[in-house]
Every structure is written in C-alpha cells, then in structure tokens.
Amino acid sequence: MSTTDALAFWDDVYAARPPAGDPRPNARLTETVTGLPAGDALDLGCGEGGDALWLAGQGWRVTATDISAVAVERLASLARSHGLGDRVTPVRADLHTSFPPGAFDLVCAHYLHTPCALDRATVLRSAAHALRPGGRLLVVDHGSAAPWSWDQDPDTRYPSPREVAAGIELDPATWTVERADAPRRIATGPDGRTAEVTDHVLLIRRAA
C-alpha cells in the first residue's frame, strides 16, 4: 500500500467516526505517566488526540503525529478549544518514510497497528534513540481484537511485549525494559459498546 493509499485509508477511518468532543486518554498512559515530571512528549499515531490533550493538561509539551490529515486537523481544533494550543503541536507525518525530529522525555505509541507498509521495529528503535537520558518509551499494542476494530482477521497474531522489545534490538546497557505484561481491561468503542480486551504493554527507559 502506497503512502497515498495509506493516507486515504486512515482519513476514511477517522472521517467515518463522529468527532470526539472530549476524547479520553488511554488507561495505560495515565497509569504510567501520572507522577512523572512533565517535559517534552512525542505521541506517535495520535488519532483524535485523547493522549496528547491529557498530557498537555498535565503540563507536558506534546508533539502529536498521525498519518491522517483528518485526525491531525481534529486534534488541532480540540487543542485550541481546550486552551492547550500552545502545548500541543499536531503534525501530519508518515512514519514509514520519516521520523519526527527532536529529543523527548516520553515517547508513546498506542496501538500503532496498520494494514499499510510500516517497519514498526525501525520506528520504535528511532523512538528509543529520540529519548533524552532518563526518558521512557511506552508501547501499548493490541493483544486481542475489540468488536469495533478495523482488523477482524482471525489469523492476526499479537506479538508479546518481550517479542516487541527483542525486535527493537536495543543495547541493554543503555535501555532497560521496566514493564512487559498483558493486562486486561474493559474498553469502550466509538459507538459506546464495551468489551474486555487485552493490552500488550512495553515500557523502556533510557539510562540517565
């Protein structure tokens, strides 16, 4: 799938959803970040911006990227309406071709799954190298498919957090895996339905 096709796919995904007036942050983000000192954060695959807005509300300066222009434009509008326009920088970016510049105290990638071409290991390796000393990379993947997910392929395999960590190939002398587990939670979909899902959570910290 070309970049043009990928952009069209994700624009269609977001355009099919009604705009979220107050999108919720992901539970794994709030439980991980609460209590950390605010700094510079990078949100990879920000969607409509629940994580970016929550981080900004906690005092973080957030660069939020997504391949979908629809998602980025919605986030920009929400950031302004929430009085957070000075703390959230929405950027349309195709991670298949480039990685956002800068150094960050936190990089988060929630559900960075796509049917489009994307070398996730390279993206996550770049994310780890973009961390400042002491910074953290939070990767939260699907461990199961929710009923409203665009991916309903029964043959989909969900790599474990340890497999994801191994695929990034980071030097353990510099990066430490602080968390790698598969908790379950009750999720709420865009139409209000709920379902129990599994998250694969990986938290990596760069040495101070």
N, C-alpha and C. Protein backbone atom coordinates (compact mmCIF):
# COMPACT_ATOMS: atom_id res chain seq x y z
N MET A 1 0.85 -1.19 0.00
CA MET A 1 0.00 0.00 0.00
C MET A 1 0.89 1.24 0.00
N SER A 2 0.67 2.15 -0.94
CA SER A 2 1.48 3.35 -1.06
C SER A 2 1.13 4.35 0.03
N THR A 3 1.98 5.40 0.15
CA THR A 3 1.70 6.45 1.13
C THR A 3 0.36 7.10 0.84
N THR A 4 0.06 7.32 -0.45
CA THR A 4 -1.22 7.92 -0.82
C THR A 4 -2.38 7.04 -0.39
N ASP A 5 -2.26 5.73 -0.60
CA ASP A 5 -3.31 4.80 -0.20
C ASP A 5 -3.44 4.75 1.32
N ALA A 6 -2.30 4.79 2.02
CA ALA A 6 -2.33 4.75 3.48
C ALA A 6 -3.02 5.99 4.04
N LEU A 7 -2.71 7.14 3.46
CA LEU A 7 -3.35 8.38 3.90
C LEU A 7 -4.86 8.29 3.67
N ALA A 8 -5.27 7.80 2.51
CA ALA A 8 -6.69 7.69 2.20
C ALA A 8 -7.37 6.70 3.15
N PHE A 9 -6.70 5.58 3.45
CA PHE A 9 -7.29 4.58 4.35
C PHE A 9 -7.57 5.18 5.71
N TRP A 10 -6.55 5.84 6.31
CA TRP A 10 -6.73 6.37 7.66
C TRP A 10 -7.63 7.61 7.68
N ASP A 11 -7.61 8.39 6.62
CA ASP A 11 -8.57 9.50 6.54
C ASP A 11 -10.00 8.96 6.54
N ASP A 12 -10.21 7.87 5.81
CA ASP A 12 -11.56 7.27 5.75
C ASP A 12 -11.97 6.72 7.11
N VAL A 13 -11.00 6.09 7.83
CA VAL A 13 -11.29 5.54 9.16
C VAL A 13 -11.78 6.64 10.09
N TYR A 14 -11.06 7.77 10.12
CA TYR A 14 -11.44 8.85 11.04
C TYR A 14 -12.66 9.63 10.56
N ALA A 15 -12.77 9.79 9.24
CA ALA A 15 -13.92 10.53 8.72
C ALA A 15 -15.22 9.79 8.99
N ALA A 16 -15.15 8.46 9.11
CA ALA A 16 -16.35 7.66 9.37
C ALA A 16 -16.81 7.78 10.82
N ARG A 17 -15.97 8.33 11.68
CA ARG A 17 -16.33 8.48 13.09
C ARG A 17 -16.77 9.92 13.36
N PRO A 18 -17.76 10.11 14.19
CA PRO A 18 -18.10 11.48 14.57
C PRO A 18 -16.97 12.08 15.39
N PRO A 19 -16.68 13.37 15.24
CA PRO A 19 -15.60 13.98 16.02
C PRO A 19 -15.85 13.82 17.51
N ALA A 20 -14.78 13.53 18.24
CA ALA A 20 -14.88 13.37 19.70
C ALA A 20 -14.69 14.73 20.35
N GLY A 21 -15.70 15.18 21.06
CA GLY A 21 -15.60 16.49 21.70
C GLY A 21 -14.61 16.51 22.85
N ASP A 22 -14.47 15.37 23.52
CA ASP A 22 -13.56 15.28 24.65
C ASP A 22 -12.98 13.87 24.69
N PRO A 23 -12.05 13.56 23.77
CA PRO A 23 -11.53 12.18 23.69
C PRO A 23 -10.80 11.78 24.96
N ARG A 24 -10.98 10.53 25.35
CA ARG A 24 -10.38 10.02 26.58
C ARG A 24 -8.94 9.59 26.35
N PRO A 25 -8.06 9.78 27.34
CA PRO A 25 -6.70 9.25 27.22
C PRO A 25 -6.72 7.74 27.43
N ASN A 26 -5.73 7.06 26.90
CA ASN A 26 -5.61 5.62 27.11
C ASN A 26 -5.22 5.32 28.56
N ALA A 27 -5.85 4.29 29.10
CA ALA A 27 -5.64 3.95 30.51
C ALA A 27 -4.18 3.63 30.80
N ARG A 28 -3.50 2.97 29.87
CA ARG A 28 -2.10 2.59 30.13
C ARG A 28 -1.19 3.81 30.16
N LEU A 29 -1.59 4.88 29.47
CA LEU A 29 -0.82 6.12 29.53
C LEU A 29 -0.97 6.76 30.90
N THR A 30 -2.20 6.93 31.33
CA THR A 30 -2.42 7.65 32.59
C THR A 30 -1.80 6.91 33.76
N GLU A 31 -1.87 5.57 33.77
CA GLU A 31 -1.30 4.83 34.89
C GLU A 31 0.22 4.86 34.87
N THR A 32 0.81 5.05 33.70
CA THR A 32 2.27 5.06 33.58
C THR A 32 2.85 6.44 33.87
N VAL A 33 2.18 7.48 33.39
CA VAL A 33 2.75 8.82 33.40
C VAL A 33 2.41 9.61 34.66
N THR A 34 1.27 9.29 35.29
CA THR A 34 0.89 10.02 36.50
C THR A 34 2.02 9.97 37.52
N GLY A 35 2.45 11.13 37.97
CA GLY A 35 3.53 11.22 38.95
C GLY A 35 4.88 11.53 38.35
N LEU A 36 5.02 11.38 37.02
CA LEU A 36 6.28 11.72 36.37
C LEU A 36 6.37 13.24 36.19
N PRO A 37 7.59 13.81 36.27
CA PRO A 37 7.71 15.24 35.99
C PRO A 37 7.41 15.52 34.52
N ALA A 38 6.67 16.59 34.26
CA ALA A 38 6.31 16.93 32.88
C ALA A 38 7.53 17.41 32.11
N GLY A 39 7.52 17.12 30.82
CA GLY A 39 8.62 17.54 29.94
C GLY A 39 8.11 17.58 28.52
N ASP A 40 8.93 17.08 27.59
CA ASP A 40 8.56 17.03 26.18
C ASP A 40 8.14 15.61 25.82
N ALA A 41 6.98 15.50 25.18
CA ALA A 41 6.46 14.19 24.81
C ALA A 41 6.20 14.13 23.31
N LEU A 42 6.33 12.93 22.77
CA LEU A 42 6.02 12.66 21.37
C LEU A 42 4.98 11.55 21.34
N ASP A 43 3.85 11.82 20.70
CA ASP A 43 2.75 10.86 20.59
C ASP A 43 2.71 10.37 19.15
N LEU A 44 3.06 9.09 18.95
CA LEU A 44 3.10 8.51 17.61
C LEU A 44 1.77 7.84 17.31
N GLY A 45 1.13 8.26 16.22
CA GLY A 45 -0.19 7.74 15.90
C GLY A 45 -1.21 8.28 16.87
N CYS A 46 -1.35 9.60 16.91
CA CYS A 46 -2.12 10.26 17.97
C CYS A 46 -3.62 10.11 17.82
N GLY A 47 -4.10 9.73 16.62
CA GLY A 47 -5.54 9.65 16.44
C GLY A 47 -6.19 11.00 16.67
N GLU A 48 -7.31 11.02 17.37
CA GLU A 48 -8.01 12.29 17.61
C GLU A 48 -7.51 13.01 18.83
N GLY A 49 -6.51 12.44 19.53
CA GLY A 49 -5.76 13.25 20.47
C GLY A 49 -6.06 13.13 21.94
N GLY A 50 -6.74 12.08 22.38
CA GLY A 50 -7.02 11.94 23.79
C GLY A 50 -5.76 11.94 24.65
N ASP A 51 -4.73 11.22 24.19
CA ASP A 51 -3.48 11.16 24.94
C ASP A 51 -2.76 12.51 24.93
N ALA A 52 -2.67 13.13 23.76
CA ALA A 52 -1.97 14.41 23.64
C ALA A 52 -2.62 15.48 24.51
N LEU A 53 -3.95 15.53 24.49
CA LEU A 53 -4.65 16.54 25.28
C LEU A 53 -4.48 16.29 26.77
N TRP A 54 -4.53 15.03 27.18
CA TRP A 54 -4.34 14.72 28.60
C TRP A 54 -2.93 15.08 29.05
N LEU A 55 -1.93 14.72 28.25
CA LEU A 55 -0.55 15.06 28.59
C LEU A 55 -0.37 16.57 28.71
N ALA A 56 -0.92 17.30 27.74
CA ALA A 56 -0.80 18.76 27.78
C ALA A 56 -1.47 19.32 29.03
N GLY A 57 -2.58 18.73 29.41
CA GLY A 57 -3.27 19.17 30.60
C GLY A 57 -2.49 18.90 31.88
N GLN A 58 -1.54 17.95 31.80
CA GLN A 58 -0.66 17.66 32.94
C GLN A 58 0.62 18.48 32.90
N GLY A 59 0.72 19.37 31.91
CA GLY A 59 1.88 20.25 31.83
C GLY A 59 2.93 19.85 30.82
N TRP A 60 2.71 18.76 30.09
CA TRP A 60 3.66 18.33 29.07
C TRP A 60 3.54 19.20 27.81
N ARG A 61 4.64 19.33 27.09
CA ARG A 61 4.65 19.91 25.75
C ARG A 61 4.64 18.73 24.77
N VAL A 62 3.63 18.67 23.92
CA VAL A 62 3.39 17.45 23.15
C VAL A 62 3.48 17.70 21.65
N THR A 63 4.29 16.89 20.99
CA THR A 63 4.26 16.80 19.53
C THR A 63 3.45 15.55 19.20
N ALA A 64 2.34 15.74 18.50
CA ALA A 64 1.41 14.64 18.23
C ALA A 64 1.35 14.39 16.74
N THR A 65 1.71 13.19 16.31
CA THR A 65 1.78 12.89 14.89
C THR A 65 0.75 11.83 14.50
N ASP A 66 0.27 11.96 13.28
CA ASP A 66 -0.59 10.93 12.70
C ASP A 66 -0.50 11.05 11.19
N ILE A 67 -0.70 9.95 10.49
CA ILE A 67 -0.68 10.00 9.03
C ILE A 67 -1.97 10.61 8.49
N SER A 68 -3.03 10.58 9.28
CA SER A 68 -4.32 11.08 8.82
C SER A 68 -4.45 12.58 9.00
N ALA A 69 -4.68 13.28 7.90
CA ALA A 69 -4.92 14.72 7.99
C ALA A 69 -6.20 15.02 8.74
N VAL A 70 -7.20 14.14 8.62
CA VAL A 70 -8.46 14.34 9.35
C VAL A 70 -8.20 14.32 10.85
N ALA A 71 -7.44 13.32 11.32
CA ALA A 71 -7.14 13.22 12.75
C ALA A 71 -6.34 14.41 13.24
N VAL A 72 -5.34 14.82 12.48
CA VAL A 72 -4.49 15.94 12.89
C VAL A 72 -5.28 17.24 12.96
N GLU A 73 -6.13 17.47 11.97
CA GLU A 73 -6.94 18.69 11.98
C GLU A 73 -7.92 18.72 13.14
N ARG A 74 -8.50 17.56 13.44
CA ARG A 74 -9.42 17.49 14.58
C ARG A 74 -8.68 17.78 15.89
N LEU A 75 -7.48 17.23 16.03
CA LEU A 75 -6.71 17.46 17.25
C LEU A 75 -6.33 18.93 17.37
N ALA A 76 -5.91 19.55 16.29
CA ALA A 76 -5.55 20.97 16.33
C ALA A 76 -6.73 21.80 16.81
N SER A 77 -7.93 21.50 16.31
CA SER A 77 -9.12 22.23 16.71
C SER A 77 -9.44 21.99 18.18
N LEU A 78 -9.33 20.74 18.63
CA LEU A 78 -9.61 20.42 20.03
C LEU A 78 -8.61 21.09 20.96
N ALA A 79 -7.33 21.09 20.58
CA ALA A 79 -6.32 21.72 21.42
C ALA A 79 -6.63 23.19 21.62
N ARG A 80 -7.03 23.87 20.55
CA ARG A 80 -7.39 25.29 20.66
C ARG A 80 -8.61 25.47 21.56
N SER A 81 -9.63 24.63 21.37
CA SER A 81 -10.87 24.79 22.13
C SER A 81 -10.68 24.46 23.61
N HIS A 82 -9.67 23.63 23.92
CA HIS A 82 -9.37 23.29 25.30
C HIS A 82 -8.34 24.24 25.93
N GLY A 83 -7.94 25.26 25.17
CA GLY A 83 -6.95 26.19 25.69
C GLY A 83 -5.56 25.60 25.79
N LEU A 84 -5.28 24.58 24.96
CA LEU A 84 -3.99 23.88 25.02
C LEU A 84 -3.21 24.03 23.72
N GLY A 85 -3.61 24.99 22.90
CA GLY A 85 -2.95 25.15 21.61
C GLY A 85 -1.48 25.46 21.70
N ASP A 86 -1.05 26.05 22.83
CA ASP A 86 0.37 26.37 22.99
C ASP A 86 1.18 25.19 23.49
N ARG A 87 0.51 24.09 23.87
CA ARG A 87 1.21 22.93 24.40
C ARG A 87 1.12 21.70 23.50
N VAL A 88 0.27 21.75 22.49
CA VAL A 88 0.10 20.62 21.58
C VAL A 88 0.45 21.06 20.17
N THR A 89 1.38 20.36 19.56
CA THR A 89 1.75 20.62 18.17
C THR A 89 1.37 19.41 17.32
N PRO A 90 0.22 19.46 16.63
CA PRO A 90 -0.19 18.34 15.78
C PRO A 90 0.58 18.38 14.45
N VAL A 91 1.08 17.22 14.04
CA VAL A 91 1.89 17.14 12.83
C VAL A 91 1.44 15.93 12.01
N ARG A 92 1.10 16.15 10.73
CA ARG A 92 0.84 15.01 9.86
C ARG A 92 2.16 14.42 9.43
N ALA A 93 2.37 13.14 9.71
CA ALA A 93 3.65 12.51 9.40
C ALA A 93 3.42 11.05 9.04
N ASP A 94 4.13 10.60 8.03
CA ASP A 94 4.11 9.19 7.63
C ASP A 94 5.35 8.53 8.21
N LEU A 95 5.20 7.75 9.25
CA LEU A 95 6.34 7.14 9.93
C LEU A 95 7.04 6.11 9.06
N HIS A 96 6.40 5.71 7.97
CA HIS A 96 7.05 4.78 7.03
C HIS A 96 8.20 5.46 6.29
N THR A 97 8.14 6.78 6.17
CA THR A 97 9.16 7.47 5.38
C THR A 97 10.05 8.40 6.21
N SER A 98 9.60 8.82 7.40
CA SER A 98 10.42 9.74 8.19
C SER A 98 10.02 9.65 9.66
N PHE A 99 10.90 10.15 10.53
CA PHE A 99 10.62 10.17 11.97
C PHE A 99 10.72 11.60 12.45
N PRO A 100 9.80 12.03 13.31
CA PRO A 100 9.82 13.43 13.76
C PRO A 100 11.13 13.79 14.45
N PRO A 101 11.69 14.96 14.18
CA PRO A 101 12.94 15.37 14.83
C PRO A 101 12.69 15.81 16.27
N GLY A 102 13.77 15.85 17.04
CA GLY A 102 13.67 16.36 18.40
C GLY A 102 14.11 15.34 19.43
N ALA A 103 14.21 15.78 20.68
CA ALA A 103 14.56 14.92 21.81
C ALA A 103 13.42 15.01 22.82
N PHE A 104 13.08 13.89 23.44
CA PHE A 104 11.87 13.81 24.24
C PHE A 104 12.11 13.08 25.56
N ASP A 105 11.30 13.44 26.55
CA ASP A 105 11.33 12.75 27.84
C ASP A 105 10.38 11.56 27.85
N LEU A 106 9.43 11.58 26.93
CA LEU A 106 8.46 10.50 26.80
C LEU A 106 8.09 10.35 25.33
N VAL A 107 8.11 9.12 24.86
CA VAL A 107 7.54 8.81 23.55
C VAL A 107 6.50 7.71 23.77
N CYS A 108 5.29 7.94 23.29
CA CYS A 108 4.26 6.91 23.44
C CYS A 108 3.71 6.51 22.08
N ALA A 109 3.49 5.22 21.95
CA ALA A 109 2.93 4.66 20.72
C ALA A 109 1.82 3.71 21.14
N HIS A 110 0.58 4.18 21.07
CA HIS A 110 -0.56 3.37 21.45
C HIS A 110 -1.23 2.79 20.21
N TYR A 111 -1.25 1.47 20.15
CA TYR A 111 -1.97 0.74 19.09
C TYR A 111 -1.51 1.19 17.70
N LEU A 112 -0.21 1.19 17.53
CA LEU A 112 0.40 1.59 16.26
C LEU A 112 0.36 0.41 15.29
N HIS A 113 -0.85 -0.02 14.97
CA HIS A 113 -1.08 -1.13 14.04
C HIS A 113 -1.68 -0.56 12.76
N THR A 114 -1.32 -1.14 11.65
CA THR A 114 -1.80 -0.63 10.37
C THR A 114 -1.72 -1.71 9.31
N PRO A 115 -2.65 -1.72 8.34
CA PRO A 115 -2.53 -2.64 7.20
C PRO A 115 -1.56 -2.10 6.16
N CYS A 116 -1.06 -0.89 6.38
CA CYS A 116 -0.17 -0.23 5.42
C CYS A 116 1.28 -0.59 5.72
N ALA A 117 2.16 -0.31 4.77
CA ALA A 117 3.57 -0.61 4.95
C ALA A 117 4.13 0.22 6.10
N LEU A 118 4.72 -0.46 7.09
CA LEU A 118 5.34 0.22 8.22
C LEU A 118 6.31 -0.73 8.91
N ASP A 119 7.57 -0.34 8.96
CA ASP A 119 8.57 -1.12 9.68
C ASP A 119 8.54 -0.67 11.14
N ARG A 120 7.69 -1.31 11.92
CA ARG A 120 7.48 -0.89 13.30
C ARG A 120 8.76 -0.95 14.13
N ALA A 121 9.55 -1.98 13.92
CA ALA A 121 10.77 -2.12 14.71
C ALA A 121 11.69 -0.91 14.49
N THR A 122 11.80 -0.47 13.25
CA THR A 122 12.64 0.69 12.95
C THR A 122 12.05 1.95 13.58
N VAL A 123 10.73 2.10 13.50
CA VAL A 123 10.07 3.27 14.10
C VAL A 123 10.31 3.29 15.61
N LEU A 124 10.13 2.15 16.27
CA LEU A 124 10.28 2.11 17.72
C LEU A 124 11.75 2.25 18.13
N ARG A 125 12.65 1.76 17.31
CA ARG A 125 14.09 1.97 17.58
C ARG A 125 14.42 3.46 17.49
N SER A 126 13.89 4.11 16.48
CA SER A 126 14.09 5.56 16.35
C SER A 126 13.50 6.29 17.55
N ALA A 127 12.35 5.81 18.03
CA ALA A 127 11.71 6.42 19.19
C ALA A 127 12.59 6.29 20.42
N ALA A 128 13.18 5.13 20.62
CA ALA A 128 14.06 4.93 21.77
C ALA A 128 15.28 5.84 21.69
N HIS A 129 15.83 6.01 20.50
CA HIS A 129 17.00 6.87 20.32
C HIS A 129 16.63 8.35 20.45
N ALA A 130 15.35 8.68 20.30
CA ALA A 130 14.91 10.08 20.45
C ALA A 130 14.72 10.47 21.91
N LEU A 131 14.84 9.50 22.82
CA LEU A 131 14.66 9.80 24.24
C LEU A 131 15.88 10.52 24.81
N ARG A 132 15.60 11.46 25.67
CA ARG A 132 16.67 12.05 26.47
C ARG A 132 17.09 11.05 27.55
N PRO A 133 18.26 11.22 28.15
CA PRO A 133 18.64 10.34 29.26
C PRO A 133 17.57 10.33 30.34
N GLY A 134 17.18 9.15 30.78
CA GLY A 134 16.13 9.00 31.77
C GLY A 134 14.73 8.97 31.20
N GLY A 135 14.61 9.20 29.88
CA GLY A 135 13.29 9.22 29.24
C GLY A 135 12.73 7.82 29.05
N ARG A 136 11.42 7.76 28.77
CA ARG A 136 10.72 6.48 28.65
C ARG A 136 9.99 6.37 27.32
N LEU A 137 9.99 5.15 26.80
CA LEU A 137 9.22 4.78 25.62
C LEU A 137 8.11 3.84 26.08
N LEU A 138 6.86 4.25 25.85
CA LEU A 138 5.70 3.44 26.20
C LEU A 138 5.05 2.93 24.92
N VAL A 139 5.05 1.61 24.75
CA VAL A 139 4.41 0.99 23.59
C VAL A 139 3.26 0.13 24.09
N VAL A 140 2.06 0.45 23.65
CA VAL A 140 0.88 -0.33 24.03
C VAL A 140 0.27 -0.87 22.75
N ASP A 141 0.24 -2.19 22.65
CA ASP A 141 -0.30 -2.86 21.47
C ASP A 141 -1.57 -3.62 21.82
N HIS A 142 -2.34 -3.91 20.79
CA HIS A 142 -3.48 -4.79 20.99
C HIS A 142 -2.99 -6.21 21.26
N GLY A 143 -3.58 -6.84 22.26
CA GLY A 143 -3.35 -8.26 22.49
C GLY A 143 -4.56 -9.08 22.09
N SER A 144 -5.62 -8.38 21.67
CA SER A 144 -6.84 -9.02 21.18
C SER A 144 -7.58 -7.98 20.35
N ALA A 145 -8.57 -8.41 19.61
CA ALA A 145 -9.32 -7.50 18.76
C ALA A 145 -10.66 -7.15 19.41
N ALA A 146 -10.93 -5.86 19.53
CA ALA A 146 -12.23 -5.42 20.01
C ALA A 146 -13.26 -5.59 18.88
N PRO A 147 -14.54 -5.73 19.22
CA PRO A 147 -15.55 -5.95 18.16
C PRO A 147 -15.62 -4.82 17.15
N TRP A 148 -15.20 -3.60 17.53
CA TRP A 148 -15.29 -2.45 16.63
C TRP A 148 -13.98 -2.19 15.88
N SER A 149 -12.97 -3.03 16.08
CA SER A 149 -11.67 -2.82 15.43
C SER A 149 -11.78 -2.97 13.92
N TRP A 150 -10.94 -2.20 13.18
CA TRP A 150 -10.93 -2.35 11.73
C TRP A 150 -10.29 -3.68 11.32
N ASP A 151 -9.53 -4.29 12.22
CA ASP A 151 -8.84 -5.55 11.93
C ASP A 151 -9.58 -6.70 12.60
N GLN A 152 -10.36 -7.42 11.84
CA GLN A 152 -11.10 -8.56 12.36
C GLN A 152 -10.59 -9.88 11.78
N ASP A 153 -9.36 -9.86 11.30
CA ASP A 153 -8.75 -11.08 10.74
C ASP A 153 -8.51 -12.09 11.87
N PRO A 154 -9.15 -13.25 11.83
CA PRO A 154 -8.98 -14.23 12.91
C PRO A 154 -7.57 -14.80 12.98
N ASP A 155 -6.79 -14.63 11.92
CA ASP A 155 -5.42 -15.15 11.89
C ASP A 155 -4.39 -14.13 12.37
N THR A 156 -4.84 -12.95 12.78
CA THR A 156 -3.91 -11.94 13.28
C THR A 156 -3.18 -12.47 14.51
N ARG A 157 -1.86 -12.31 14.51
CA ARG A 157 -1.05 -12.72 15.66
C ARG A 157 -0.58 -11.47 16.39
N TYR A 158 -0.64 -11.51 17.71
CA TYR A 158 -0.27 -10.35 18.52
C TYR A 158 1.04 -10.65 19.25
N PRO A 159 2.16 -10.13 18.76
CA PRO A 159 3.44 -10.40 19.43
C PRO A 159 3.42 -9.92 20.88
N SER A 160 4.09 -10.68 21.74
CA SER A 160 4.15 -10.31 23.15
C SER A 160 5.04 -9.09 23.32
N PRO A 161 4.92 -8.38 24.46
CA PRO A 161 5.80 -7.24 24.71
C PRO A 161 7.28 -7.61 24.65
N ARG A 162 7.63 -8.78 25.15
CA ARG A 162 9.04 -9.20 25.12
C ARG A 162 9.50 -9.42 23.69
N GLU A 163 8.62 -9.94 22.83
CA GLU A 163 8.96 -10.10 21.42
C GLU A 163 9.18 -8.75 20.76
N VAL A 164 8.31 -7.79 21.09
CA VAL A 164 8.46 -6.44 20.53
C VAL A 164 9.79 -5.84 20.99
N ALA A 165 10.10 -6.00 22.26
CA ALA A 165 11.36 -5.47 22.79
C ALA A 165 12.56 -6.10 22.09
N ALA A 166 12.50 -7.41 21.87
CA ALA A 166 13.60 -8.09 21.20
C ALA A 166 13.76 -7.59 19.77
N GLY A 167 12.64 -7.31 19.11
CA GLY A 167 12.69 -6.85 17.73
C GLY A 167 13.28 -5.46 17.57
N ILE A 168 13.20 -4.64 18.63
CA ILE A 168 13.77 -3.29 18.55
C ILE A 168 15.29 -3.34 18.62
N GLU A 169 15.83 -4.39 19.25
CA GLU A 169 17.29 -4.62 19.29
C GLU A 169 18.04 -3.44 19.92
N LEU A 170 17.67 -3.11 21.14
CA LEU A 170 18.33 -2.02 21.86
C LEU A 170 19.42 -2.57 22.77
N ASP A 171 20.47 -1.79 22.96
CA ASP A 171 21.58 -2.18 23.83
C ASP A 171 21.10 -2.16 25.28
N PRO A 172 21.11 -3.30 25.98
CA PRO A 172 20.63 -3.31 27.36
C PRO A 172 21.48 -2.48 28.31
N ALA A 173 22.66 -2.08 27.88
CA ALA A 173 23.48 -1.22 28.71
C ALA A 173 22.94 0.21 28.74
N THR A 174 22.11 0.54 27.75
CA THR A 174 21.56 1.90 27.65
C THR A 174 20.06 1.94 27.88
N TRP A 175 19.35 0.90 27.45
CA TRP A 175 17.89 0.88 27.57
C TRP A 175 17.45 -0.31 28.42
N THR A 176 16.56 -0.07 29.37
CA THR A 176 16.08 -1.10 30.28
C THR A 176 14.58 -1.29 30.12
N VAL A 177 14.16 -2.55 30.02
CA VAL A 177 12.73 -2.85 29.99
C VAL A 177 12.21 -2.77 31.43
N GLU A 178 11.33 -1.80 31.68
CA GLU A 178 10.77 -1.63 33.02
C GLU A 178 9.44 -2.36 33.20
N ARG A 179 8.77 -2.61 32.09
CA ARG A 179 7.49 -3.31 32.17
C ARG A 179 7.25 -4.05 30.87
N ALA A 180 6.76 -5.27 30.97
CA ALA A 180 6.38 -6.05 29.80
C ALA A 180 5.32 -7.05 30.26
N ASP A 181 4.05 -6.69 30.08
CA ASP A 181 2.98 -7.57 30.55
C ASP A 181 1.76 -7.43 29.65
N ALA A 182 0.70 -8.18 30.00
CA ALA A 182 -0.50 -8.24 29.16
C ALA A 182 -1.75 -8.13 30.02
N PRO A 183 -2.02 -6.94 30.57
CA PRO A 183 -3.22 -6.77 31.40
C PRO A 183 -4.49 -6.71 30.55
N ARG A 184 -5.61 -6.98 31.21
CA ARG A 184 -6.92 -6.90 30.55
C ARG A 184 -7.69 -5.72 31.12
N ARG A 185 -8.64 -5.22 30.33
CA ARG A 185 -9.46 -4.10 30.78
C ARG A 185 -10.77 -4.11 30.00
N ILE A 186 -11.72 -3.34 30.47
CA ILE A 186 -12.97 -3.13 29.75
C ILE A 186 -12.81 -1.87 28.90
N ALA A 187 -12.94 -2.03 27.60
CA ALA A 187 -12.78 -0.91 26.67
C ALA A 187 -14.15 -0.46 26.16
N THR A 188 -14.21 0.82 25.78
CA THR A 188 -15.43 1.38 25.20
C THR A 188 -15.14 1.83 23.77
N GLY A 189 -15.95 1.37 22.83
CA GLY A 189 -15.73 1.70 21.43
C GLY A 189 -16.36 3.02 21.04
N PRO A 190 -16.13 3.44 19.79
CA PRO A 190 -16.66 4.72 19.30
C PRO A 190 -18.18 4.83 19.39
N ASP A 191 -18.87 3.68 19.33
CA ASP A 191 -20.34 3.71 19.36
C ASP A 191 -20.89 3.45 20.76
N GLY A 192 -19.99 3.41 21.76
CA GLY A 192 -20.45 3.22 23.13
C GLY A 192 -20.47 1.79 23.61
N ARG A 193 -20.23 0.82 22.70
CA ARG A 193 -20.18 -0.58 23.12
C ARG A 193 -18.97 -0.83 24.00
N THR A 194 -19.08 -1.82 24.87
CA THR A 194 -17.96 -2.19 25.73
C THR A 194 -17.57 -3.65 25.48
N ALA A 195 -16.30 -3.95 25.75
CA ALA A 195 -15.81 -5.31 25.60
C ALA A 195 -14.52 -5.45 26.40
N GLU A 196 -14.24 -6.66 26.86
CA GLU A 196 -12.98 -6.92 27.54
C GLU A 196 -11.90 -7.14 26.48
N VAL A 197 -10.78 -6.47 26.64
CA VAL A 197 -9.67 -6.59 25.69
C VAL A 197 -8.37 -6.79 26.45
N THR A 198 -7.37 -7.25 25.73
CA THR A 198 -6.03 -7.44 26.29
C THR A 198 -5.10 -6.40 25.69
N ASP A 199 -4.31 -5.76 26.54
CA ASP A 199 -3.27 -4.85 26.09
C ASP A 199 -1.91 -5.51 26.26
N HIS A 200 -1.02 -5.27 25.32
CA HIS A 200 0.38 -5.68 25.47
C HIS A 200 1.17 -4.41 25.77
N VAL A 201 1.71 -4.33 26.96
CA VAL A 201 2.34 -3.11 27.45
C VAL A 201 3.85 -3.30 27.58
N LEU A 202 4.58 -2.40 26.94
CA LEU A 202 6.04 -2.41 26.99
C LEU A 202 6.51 -1.01 27.39
N LEU A 203 7.29 -0.93 28.45
CA LEU A 203 7.84 0.33 28.91
C LEU A 203 9.36 0.20 28.99
N ILE A 204 10.04 1.05 28.24
CA ILE A 204 11.51 1.02 28.15
C ILE A 204 12.06 2.36 28.63
N ARG A 205 13.10 2.32 29.45
CA ARG A 205 13.70 3.55 29.96
C ARG A 205 15.15 3.66 29.49
N ARG A 206 15.50 4.85 29.02
CA ARG A 206 16.89 5.12 28.64
C ARG A 206 17.68 5.49 29.88
N ALA A 207 18.88 5.00 29.99
CA ALA A 207 19.71 5.26 31.16
C ALA A 207 19.95 6.74 31.33
N ALA A 208 19.96 7.18 32.57
CA ALA A 208 20.18 8.61 32.88
C ALA A 208 21.63 8.98 32.64
